[in-house]
C-alpha atoms as a PDB file:
ATOM      1  CA  MET A   1      10.451 -11.987 -33.937  1.00  0.00           C
ATOM      2  CA  THR A   2      11.715 -12.018 -30.185  1.00  0.00           C
ATOM      3  CA  GLN A   3       9.166 -10.527 -27.999  1.00  0.00           C
ATOM      4  CA  SER A   4      10.525  -8.430 -25.294  1.00  0.00           C
ATOM      5  CA  ILE A   5       9.916  -9.890 -21.613  1.00  0.00           C
ATOM      6  CA  GLN A   6       8.989  -6.655 -19.081  1.00  0.00           C
ATOM      7  CA  PRO A   7      10.882  -6.883 -15.816  1.00  0.00           C
ATOM      8  CA  LYS A   8       9.038  -7.050 -12.677  1.00  0.00           C
ATOM      9  CA  SER A   9       8.123  -3.469 -10.823  1.00  0.00           C
ATOM     10  CA  ARG A  10      10.285  -3.867  -8.267  1.00  0.00           C
ATOM     11  CA  ILE A  11       7.566  -2.833  -4.318  1.00  0.00           C
ATOM     12  CA  LEU A  12       9.044  -1.415  -1.320  1.00  0.00           C
ATOM     13  CA  ILE A  13       5.960  -1.407   1.581  1.00  0.00           C
ATOM     14  CA  VAL A  14       6.617   0.412   4.006  1.00  0.00           C
ATOM     15  CA  GLY A  15       4.025  -0.273   6.643  1.00  0.00           C
ATOM     16  CA  ALA A  16       3.308  -3.873   6.287  1.00  0.00           C
ATOM     17  CA  GLY A  17       0.368  -4.061   8.213  1.00  0.00           C
ATOM     18  CA  ALA A  18      -3.422  -5.172   7.498  1.00  0.00           C
ATOM     19  CA  ILE A  19      -4.189  -3.243   4.025  1.00  0.00           C
ATOM     20  CA  GLY A  20      -0.447  -3.146   3.441  1.00  0.00           C
ATOM     21  CA  SER A  21       0.371  -6.565   3.135  1.00  0.00           C
ATOM     22  CA  PHE A  22      -2.818  -7.505   1.970  1.00  0.00           C
ATOM     23  CA  TYR A  23      -1.983  -5.222  -1.077  1.00  0.00           C
ATOM     24  CA  GLY A  24       1.157  -6.598  -1.094  1.00  0.00           C
ATOM     25  CA  ALA A  25       0.406  -9.825  -1.151  1.00  0.00           C
ATOM     26  CA  LEU A  26      -2.440  -9.094  -4.225  1.00  0.00           C
ATOM     27  CA  LEU A  27       0.734  -6.929  -6.571  1.00  0.00           C
ATOM     28  CA  ALA A  28       2.870 -10.458  -5.998  1.00  0.00           C
ATOM     29  CA  GLU A  29       0.691 -12.996  -7.157  1.00  0.00           C
ATOM     30  CA  LYS A  30       0.322 -10.388 -10.174  1.00  0.00           C
ATOM     31  CA  GLY A  31       4.282 -10.643 -10.238  1.00  0.00           C
ATOM     32  CA  ALA A  32       5.913  -8.086  -9.042  1.00  0.00           C
ATOM     33  CA  ASP A  33       8.782  -8.144  -6.422  1.00  0.00           C
ATOM     34  CA  VAL A  34       7.604  -7.101  -3.466  1.00  0.00           C
ATOM     35  CA  SER A  35       9.712  -6.229  -0.247  1.00  0.00           C
ATOM     36  CA  VAL A  36       8.493  -5.114   3.447  1.00  0.00           C
ATOM     37  CA  VAL A  37       9.626  -2.754   6.024  1.00  0.00           C
ATOM     38  CA  CYS A  38       8.209  -4.705   8.627  1.00  0.00           C
ATOM     39  CA  ARG A  39      10.203  -3.496  12.067  1.00  0.00           C
ATOM     40  CA  SER A  40       7.658  -5.251  15.649  1.00  0.00           C
ATOM     41  CA  GLU A  41       7.053  -8.433  14.097  1.00  0.00           C
ATOM     42  CA  PHE A  42      10.177  -8.722  11.115  1.00  0.00           C
ATOM     43  CA  GLU A  43      11.771 -12.625  13.140  1.00  0.00           C
ATOM     44  CA  ILE A  44       8.097 -13.777  12.686  1.00  0.00           C
ATOM     45  CA  VAL A  45       7.481 -12.417   8.914  1.00  0.00           C
ATOM     46  CA  ARG A  46      11.039 -13.295   7.361  1.00  0.00           C
ATOM     47  CA  GLU A  47      10.538 -16.731   8.371  1.00  0.00           C
ATOM     48  CA  HIS A  48       6.787 -18.116   8.385  1.00  0.00           C
ATOM     49  CA  GLY A  49       6.247 -14.555   5.629  1.00  0.00           C
ATOM     50  CA  LEU A  50       2.820 -13.426   6.136  1.00  0.00           C
ATOM     51  CA  ALA A  51      -0.741 -14.993   6.571  1.00  0.00           C
ATOM     52  CA  ILE A  52      -3.723 -13.532   5.339  1.00  0.00           C
ATOM     53  CA  GLU A  53      -6.989 -15.667   6.104  1.00  0.00           C
ATOM     54  CA  SER A  54      -9.839 -14.018   3.717  1.00  0.00           C
ATOM     55  CA  SER A  55     -13.581 -16.475   2.956  1.00  0.00           C
ATOM     56  CA  VAL A  56     -13.309 -13.908  -0.540  1.00  0.00           C
ATOM     57  CA  PHE A  57     -10.350 -14.717  -2.370  1.00  0.00           C
ATOM     58  CA  GLY A  58      -8.841 -17.887  -0.152  1.00  0.00           C
ATOM     59  CA  ASP A  59      -5.875 -18.676   2.292  1.00  0.00           C
ATOM     60  CA  ARG A  60      -1.835 -17.723   0.957  1.00  0.00           C
ATOM     61  CA  ILE A  61       1.199 -17.455   3.105  1.00  0.00           C
ATOM     62  CA  PHE A  62       3.068 -13.350   1.090  1.00  0.00           C
ATOM     63  CA  ARG A  63       6.095 -14.451   1.473  1.00  0.00           C
ATOM     64  CA  PRO A  64       9.051 -11.186   0.630  1.00  0.00           C
ATOM     65  CA  ALA A  65      10.680 -10.321  -1.295  1.00  0.00           C
ATOM     66  CA  GLN A  66      12.936  -8.990   1.227  1.00  0.00           C
ATOM     67  CA  VAL A  67      12.116  -8.311   4.678  1.00  0.00           C
ATOM     68  CA  LEU A  68      13.654  -6.040   6.454  1.00  0.00           C
ATOM     69  CA  ARG A  69      13.349  -3.381   9.691  1.00  0.00           C
ATOM     70  CA  SER A  70      14.118  -0.197   7.855  1.00  0.00           C
ATOM     71  CA  ALA A  71      13.598   1.793   4.159  1.00  0.00           C
ATOM     72  CA  ALA A  72      17.951   1.538   4.705  1.00  0.00           C
ATOM     73  CA  GLU A  73      18.758  -2.499   4.176  1.00  0.00           C
ATOM     74  CA  TYR A  74      16.615  -2.577   0.570  1.00  0.00           C
ATOM     75  CA  GLN A  75      19.089  -3.934  -1.899  1.00  0.00           C
ATOM     76  CA  GLY A  76      19.230  -4.309  -5.338  1.00  0.00           C
ATOM     77  CA  GLY A  77      19.096  -0.567  -6.344  1.00  0.00           C
ATOM     78  CA  PHE A  78      16.103   1.770  -5.430  1.00  0.00           C
ATOM     79  CA  PRO A  79      12.344   0.371  -5.727  1.00  0.00           C
ATOM     80  CA  ASP A  80       9.720   1.255  -9.431  1.00  0.00           C
ATOM     81  CA  TYR A  81       7.296   1.254  -6.775  1.00  0.00           C
ATOM     82  CA  LEU A  82       7.362   2.748  -2.628  1.00  0.00           C
ATOM     83  CA  ILE A  83       4.504   1.808  -1.395  1.00  0.00           C
ATOM     84  CA  VAL A  84       3.962   4.219   2.402  1.00  0.00           C
ATOM     85  CA  SER A  85       1.107   2.404   4.624  1.00  0.00           C
ATOM     86  CA  VAL A  86       1.956   3.774   7.838  1.00  0.00           C
ATOM     87  CA  LYS A  87      -1.337   6.003  10.132  1.00  0.00           C
ATOM     88  CA  VAL A  88      -0.656   9.409   9.684  1.00  0.00           C
ATOM     89  CA  VAL A  89      -0.103  10.536  13.119  1.00  0.00           C
ATOM     90  CA  HIS A  90       1.882  13.466  15.119  1.00  0.00           C
ATOM     91  CA  GLY A  91       5.397  12.566  16.154  1.00  0.00           C
ATOM     92  CA  VAL A  92       5.839  10.054  13.547  1.00  0.00           C
ATOM     93  CA  ASP A  93       7.705  11.261  10.468  1.00  0.00           C
ATOM     94  CA  ARG A  94       7.080   9.926   7.540  1.00  0.00           C
ATOM     95  CA  SER A  95       9.977  11.004   5.170  1.00  0.00           C
ATOM     96  CA  ALA A  96      12.559   9.670   7.048  1.00  0.00           C
ATOM     97  CA  LEU A  97      10.726   6.476   7.032  1.00  0.00           C
ATOM     98  CA  ILE A  98      11.206   6.616   3.268  1.00  0.00           C
ATOM     99  CA  ARG A  99      13.813   8.736   2.135  1.00  0.00           C
ATOM    100  CA  ASP A 100      17.315   6.228   2.315  1.00  0.00           C
ATOM    101  CA  ALA A 101      14.886   3.753  -0.195  1.00  0.00           C
ATOM    102  CA  VAL A 102      13.446   6.871  -2.869  1.00  0.00           C
ATOM    103  CA  GLY A 103      15.456   6.889  -6.104  1.00  0.00           C
ATOM    104  CA  PRO A 104      15.294   9.251  -8.398  1.00  0.00           C
ATOM    105  CA  ASP A 105      12.534   7.232 -10.768  1.00  0.00           C
ATOM    106  CA  THR A 106      11.219   5.631  -7.378  1.00  0.00           C
ATOM    107  CA  ALA A 107       7.376   6.587  -7.231  1.00  0.00           C
ATOM    108  CA  ILE A 108       6.155   7.206  -3.868  1.00  0.00           C
ATOM    109  CA  VAL A 109       2.805   5.582  -3.054  1.00  0.00           C
ATOM    110  CA  LEU A 110      -0.343   7.090  -0.426  1.00  0.00           C
ATOM    111  CA  ILE A 111      -2.310   3.867   0.834  1.00  0.00           C
ATOM    112  CA  GLU A 112      -3.212   5.618   4.181  1.00  0.00           C
ATOM    113  CA  ASN A 113      -6.334   7.386   5.661  1.00  0.00           C
ATOM    114  CA  GLY A 114      -7.035  11.509   6.377  1.00  0.00           C
ATOM    115  CA  VAL A 115      -6.982  14.328   3.814  1.00  0.00           C
ATOM    116  CA  GLU A 116      -4.173  16.436   2.793  1.00  0.00           C
ATOM    117  CA  ILE A 117      -1.801  13.968   4.282  1.00  0.00           C
ATOM    118  CA  GLU A 118       0.498  15.127   0.632  1.00  0.00           C
ATOM    119  CA  ALA A 119       1.852  17.251   1.164  1.00  0.00           C
ATOM    120  CA  GLU A 120       4.539  16.615   3.667  1.00  0.00           C
ATOM    121  CA  ILE A 121       5.882  13.544   1.245  1.00  0.00           C
ATOM    122  CA  ALA A 122       5.382  15.821  -1.987  1.00  0.00           C
ATOM    123  CA  ALA A 123       7.298  18.796   0.012  1.00  0.00           C
ATOM    124  CA  ALA A 124       9.904  16.301   1.097  1.00  0.00           C
ATOM    125  CA  PHE A 125       9.966  14.743  -2.511  1.00  0.00           C
ATOM    126  CA  PRO A 126       9.375  17.118  -5.179  1.00  0.00           C
ATOM    127  CA  ALA A 127      10.977  15.550  -7.632  1.00  0.00           C
ATOM    128  CA  ASN A 128       9.478  12.046  -7.599  1.00  0.00           C
ATOM    129  CA  GLU A 129       6.316  11.063  -8.623  1.00  0.00           C
ATOM    130  CA  LEU A 130       3.392  11.013  -5.468  1.00  0.00           C
ATOM    131  CA  ILE A 131       1.053   7.822  -6.324  1.00  0.00           C
ATOM    132  CA  SER A 132      -2.395   9.278  -3.196  1.00  0.00           C
ATOM    133  CA  ALA A 133      -4.316   6.104  -2.904  1.00  0.00           C
ATOM    134  CA  LEU A 134      -7.892   5.115  -1.170  1.00  0.00           C
ATOM    135  CA  ALA A 135      -8.876   1.829   0.094  1.00  0.00           C
ATOM    136  CA  TYR A 136     -12.412   0.538   0.846  1.00  0.00           C
ATOM    137  CA  ILE A 137     -11.630  -2.260   2.199  1.00  0.00           C
ATOM    138  CA  GLN A 138     -12.141  -4.100   6.009  1.00  0.00           C
ATOM    139  CA  VAL A 139      -9.153  -5.559   6.892  1.00  0.00           C
ATOM    140  CA  SER A 140      -7.390  -6.584   9.770  1.00  0.00           C
ATOM    141  CA  ARG A 141      -4.430  -7.789  11.846  1.00  0.00           C
ATOM    142  CA  THR A 142      -5.060 -10.578  14.153  1.00  0.00           C
ATOM    143  CA  GLY A 143      -2.491 -11.680  15.227  1.00  0.00           C
ATOM    144  CA  PRO A 144       1.773 -11.765  14.377  1.00  0.00           C
ATOM    145  CA  GLY A 145       1.467 -11.683  11.115  1.00  0.00           C
ATOM    146  CA  LYS A 146      -1.656 -12.643  10.950  1.00  0.00           C
ATOM    147  CA  ILE A 147      -3.813 -10.599   8.824  1.00  0.00           C
ATOM    148  CA  LYS A 148      -7.790 -11.577   8.068  1.00  0.00           C
ATOM    149  CA  HIS A 149      -9.583 -10.015   5.222  1.00  0.00           C
ATOM    150  CA  HIS A 150     -13.035  -9.678   5.911  1.00  0.00           C
ATOM    151  CA  ALA A 151     -14.935  -7.849   3.239  1.00  0.00           C
ATOM    152  CA  LEU A 152     -14.756  -5.407   0.010  1.00  0.00           C
ATOM    153  CA  GLY A 153     -10.342  -4.498  -1.733  1.00  0.00           C
ATOM    154  CA  ASN A 154     -11.844  -1.331  -4.154  1.00  0.00           C
ATOM    155  CA  LEU A 155      -9.023   1.150  -4.643  1.00  0.00           C
ATOM    156  CA  THR A 156      -9.223   5.086  -5.951  1.00  0.00           C
ATOM    157  CA  LEU A 157      -5.680   5.918  -7.600  1.00  0.00           C
ATOM    158  CA  GLY A 158      -3.955   9.495  -9.167  1.00  0.00           C
ATOM    159  CA  ASN A 159      -1.127  12.023  -9.083  1.00  0.00           C
ATOM    160  CA  TYR A 160      -1.107  13.855  -6.346  1.00  0.00           C
ATOM    161  CA  PRO A 161      -2.135  17.618  -6.839  1.00  0.00           C
ATOM    162  CA  SER A 162      -3.659  15.919 -10.250  1.00  0.00           C
ATOM    163  CA  GLY A 163      -3.696  14.061 -12.848  1.00  0.00           C
ATOM    164  CA  ALA A 164      -3.316  10.428 -13.780  1.00  0.00           C
ATOM    165  CA  GLY A 165       0.385   8.931 -14.883  1.00  0.00           C
ATOM    166  CA  ALA A 166       1.455   6.202 -17.261  1.00  0.00           C
ATOM    167  CA  ARG A 167       3.296   4.752 -13.702  1.00  0.00           C
ATOM    168  CA  CYS A 168      -0.013   4.991 -12.090  1.00  0.00           C
ATOM    169  CA  ARG A 169      -2.443   3.442 -14.835  1.00  0.00           C
ATOM    170  CA  GLN A 170       0.489   0.587 -14.392  1.00  0.00           C
ATOM    171  CA  LEU A 171       0.336   0.381 -10.915  1.00  0.00           C
ATOM    172  CA  ALA A 172      -3.992   0.515 -11.237  1.00  0.00           C
ATOM    173  CA  ASP A 173      -3.847  -2.635 -13.161  1.00  0.00           C
ATOM    174  CA  LEU A 174      -1.382  -4.592 -10.800  1.00  0.00           C
ATOM    175  CA  LEU A 175      -3.286  -4.538  -8.583  1.00  0.00           C
ATOM    176  CA  GLN A 176      -7.109  -5.131 -10.251  1.00  0.00           C
ATOM    177  CA  ARG A 177      -8.204  -8.445 -10.457  1.00  0.00           C
ATOM    178  CA  ASP A 178     -11.400 -10.805 -10.017  1.00  0.00           C
ATOM    179  CA  GLY A 179     -13.634  -8.991  -7.026  1.00  0.00           C
ATOM    180  CA  ILE A 180     -11.318  -6.423  -6.833  1.00  0.00           C
ATOM    181  CA  ARG A 181     -11.540  -3.026  -9.313  1.00  0.00           C
ATOM    182  CA  CYS A 182      -9.280  -0.126  -9.209  1.00  0.00           C
ATOM    183  CA  THR A 183     -10.144   3.852  -9.731  1.00  0.00           C
ATOM    184  CA  VAL A 184      -7.822   5.017 -11.809  1.00  0.00           C
ATOM    185  CA  SER A 185      -8.855   8.849 -10.584  1.00  0.00           C
ATOM    186  CA  GLU A 186      -7.586  12.758 -12.085  1.00  0.00           C
ATOM    187  CA  GLN A 187      -8.710  14.065  -9.150  1.00  0.00           C
ATOM    188  CA  VAL A 188      -7.597  12.687  -6.187  1.00  0.00           C
ATOM    189  CA  VAL A 189      -8.106  15.312  -3.739  1.00  0.00           C
ATOM    190  CA  THR A 190     -11.335  15.557  -4.142  1.00  0.00           C
ATOM    191  CA  ALA A 191     -11.926  11.918  -4.413  1.00  0.00           C
ATOM    192  CA  ARG A 192     -10.252  11.156  -0.873  1.00  0.00           C
ATOM    193  CA  TRP A 193     -12.323  14.157   0.227  1.00  0.00           C
ATOM    194  CA  HIS A 194     -15.327  11.390   0.036  1.00  0.00           C
ATOM    195  CA  LYS A 195     -13.515   8.445   1.399  1.00  0.00           C
ATOM    196  CA  CYS A 196     -13.006  10.878   4.593  1.00  0.00           C
ATOM    197  CA  VAL A 197     -17.142  11.101   4.244  1.00  0.00           C
ATOM    198  CA  TRP A 198     -17.605   7.167   4.037  1.00  0.00           C
ATOM    199  CA  ASN A 199     -15.256   6.747   7.017  1.00  0.00           C
ATOM    200  CA  ALA A 200     -16.984   8.751   8.507  1.00  0.00           C
ATOM    201  CA  VAL A 201     -20.202   6.592   8.254  1.00  0.00           C
ATOM    202  CA  PHE A 202     -18.748   3.517   9.191  1.00  0.00           C
ATOM    203  CA  ASN A 203     -16.713   3.838  11.475  1.00  0.00           C
ATOM    204  CA  PRO A 204     -18.601   5.157  14.299  1.00  0.00           C
ATOM    205  CA  ILE A 205     -20.776   2.263  13.802  1.00  0.00           C
ATOM    206  CA  SER A 206     -17.795  -0.174  14.288  1.00  0.00           C
ATOM    207  CA  VAL A 207     -17.048   1.162  17.378  1.00  0.00           C
ATOM    208  CA  LEU A 208     -20.378   1.936  18.871  1.00  0.00           C
ATOM    209  CA  GLY A 209     -20.803  -1.575  17.496  1.00  0.00           C
ATOM    210  CA  GLY A 210     -17.898  -3.244  18.831  1.00  0.00           C
ATOM    211  CA  ALA A 211     -17.065  -5.090  15.316  1.00  0.00           C
ATOM    212  CA  LEU A 212     -14.772  -4.945  13.019  1.00  0.00           C
ATOM    213  CA  ASP A 213     -11.485  -2.510  13.870  1.00  0.00           C
ATOM    214  CA  THR A 214     -11.009  -1.392  10.014  1.00  0.00           C
END
């Protein structure tokens, strides 16, 4: 019997900063076709890729399949997963940043800090599956196209507002590896509040101690 060959998951990351680049590299290592929107460092990343330094997982160069200035430039159809990893701040229209690359079957994934951040995206794309993800990680950008992973990397994922479907679980499987635990939660809104408490403990310590900016 001939076994069917599963096609690569096509993933577009909007926000190729420290977190987006780190998880993008892991997904690419698992065989996914990973592209990035990289506005401020486009030329450097297109030419040299993203250099990721990690004493835990080893150093590597992540070379995205496509390096883009905007989501509208994405080629080859729509992505299976569109990961949004930008800072949620006033004046940034996340829906506009991703709209041109969202197809009818695209699952939108938010790997971002904050609470109640999903409603804006859910309202803009009501027909698309929305996955909310929480990253427990210490990682920072050290220079143009350079990322340093300091520690951790565990993720909690779930469908918004609740549940955990097959595509959410598939993404968790892609991200899972030795040293990183991906937990699937059917109550991701509650999990996001728990992450907020985690941030509230560690972020002030980092500031007061002049330590990591993660």
